[in-house]
Amino acid sequence: MTTIDETLIEWQKENFNDVYHTMKEALKDVKEERDVVKQKYCANYFGVSVNTLKSWVHMGCPEIRLESGMVLYSKQAVRKWLLQYQK
């Protein structure tokens, strides 16, 4: 037989897990909504390695290079560039 305290503790654990999962999914959605991202995130978004992304740049893929040396990518611009090779 379970006590009220045990039931409440179990309920709190379930609620925490539900809230944690919801927050994790929301953060993932927000990250995916950003268009301009760093190199690592762009490569991950397209399911390729950073080296593959760098080779795409050598092939003409657009990148944003700031004066500080930071390299950024517009996911929309990369997608548009990729689609020109669609057959």
Protein backbone atom coordinates (compact mmCIF):
# COMPACT_ATOMS: atom_id res chain seq x y z
CA MET A 1 0.00 0.00 0.00
CA THR A 2 1.36 3.43 -0.92
CA THR A 3 1.11 6.40 1.33
CA ILE A 4 -0.03 9.84 0.31
CA ASP A 5 3.57 11.12 0.61
CA GLU A 6 4.84 8.44 -1.77
CA THR A 7 2.06 9.23 -4.22
CA LEU A 8 2.84 12.95 -4.09
CA ILE A 9 6.56 12.32 -4.61
CA GLU A 10 5.84 10.13 -7.62
CA TRP A 11 3.46 12.74 -9.03
CA GLN A 12 6.11 15.46 -8.58
CA LYS A 13 8.69 13.33 -10.41
CA GLU A 14 6.30 12.76 -13.31
CA ASN A 15 5.46 16.47 -13.52
CA PHE A 16 9.12 17.45 -13.39
CA ASN A 17 9.94 15.00 -16.19
CA ASP A 18 7.05 16.33 -18.29
CA VAL A 19 8.11 19.95 -17.79
CA TYR A 20 11.77 19.12 -18.44
CA HIS A 21 10.91 17.33 -21.70
CA THR A 22 8.67 20.21 -22.82
CA MET A 23 11.38 22.80 -22.08
CA LYS A 24 14.02 20.74 -23.86
CA GLU A 25 11.84 20.48 -26.99
CA ALA A 26 11.05 24.21 -26.85
CA LEU A 27 14.74 25.10 -26.71
CA LYS A 28 15.42 22.79 -29.63
CA ASP A 29 12.67 24.52 -31.63
CA VAL A 30 14.06 27.96 -30.84
CA LYS A 31 17.54 26.94 -31.96
CA GLU A 32 16.15 25.59 -35.22
CA GLU A 33 14.22 28.82 -35.86
CA ARG A 34 17.38 30.95 -35.90
CA ASP A 35 18.54 31.45 -39.45
CA VAL A 36 22.08 32.72 -38.89
CA VAL A 37 24.10 30.17 -36.95
CA LYS A 38 27.68 29.17 -36.23
CA GLN A 39 29.50 26.64 -38.38
CA LYS A 40 28.98 23.66 -36.08
CA TYR A 41 25.23 24.24 -35.82
CA CYS A 42 24.88 24.73 -39.57
CA ALA A 43 26.69 21.47 -40.28
CA ASN A 44 24.54 19.69 -37.70
CA TYR A 45 21.35 21.19 -39.17
CA PHE A 46 22.18 19.80 -42.62
CA GLY A 47 23.43 16.50 -41.20
CA VAL A 48 26.99 16.86 -42.46
CA SER A 49 30.41 17.29 -40.88
CA VAL A 50 32.10 20.65 -40.46
CA ASN A 51 34.68 19.51 -43.04
CA THR A 52 31.91 18.87 -45.57
CA LEU A 53 30.49 22.34 -44.90
CA LYS A 54 33.95 23.84 -45.44
CA SER A 55 34.27 21.99 -48.76
CA TRP A 56 30.86 23.37 -49.77
CA VAL A 57 32.21 26.87 -49.11
CA HIS A 58 35.12 26.13 -51.49
CA MET A 59 32.47 25.12 -54.04
CA GLY A 60 30.64 28.45 -53.62
CA CYS A 61 28.36 27.96 -50.63
CA PRO A 62 27.72 31.37 -49.03
CA GLU A 63 29.17 32.17 -45.63
CA ILE A 64 29.28 35.25 -43.43
CA ARG A 65 32.78 36.11 -42.25
CA LEU A 66 32.92 38.80 -39.57
CA GLU A 67 35.90 41.10 -39.01
CA SER A 68 36.60 39.20 -35.81
CA GLY A 69 37.15 36.06 -37.87
CA MET A 70 33.94 34.38 -36.74
CA VAL A 71 32.22 32.47 -39.52
CA LEU A 72 28.44 32.33 -39.62
CA TYR A 73 25.99 30.75 -42.04
CA SER A 74 22.46 31.57 -43.06
CA LYS A 75 20.61 28.26 -43.16
CA GLN A 76 18.24 29.74 -45.73
CA ALA A 77 21.13 30.81 -48.01
CA VAL A 78 22.84 27.43 -47.68
CA ARG A 79 19.57 25.64 -48.46
CA LYS A 80 19.06 27.85 -51.52
CA TRP A 81 22.63 27.12 -52.66
CA LEU A 82 22.11 23.38 -52.21
CA LEU A 83 18.84 23.40 -54.15
CA GLN A 84 20.58 24.73 -57.24
CA TYR A 85 22.20 21.29 -57.52
CA GLN A 86 18.88 19.50 -57.33
CA LYS A 87 18.12 17.38 -60.38
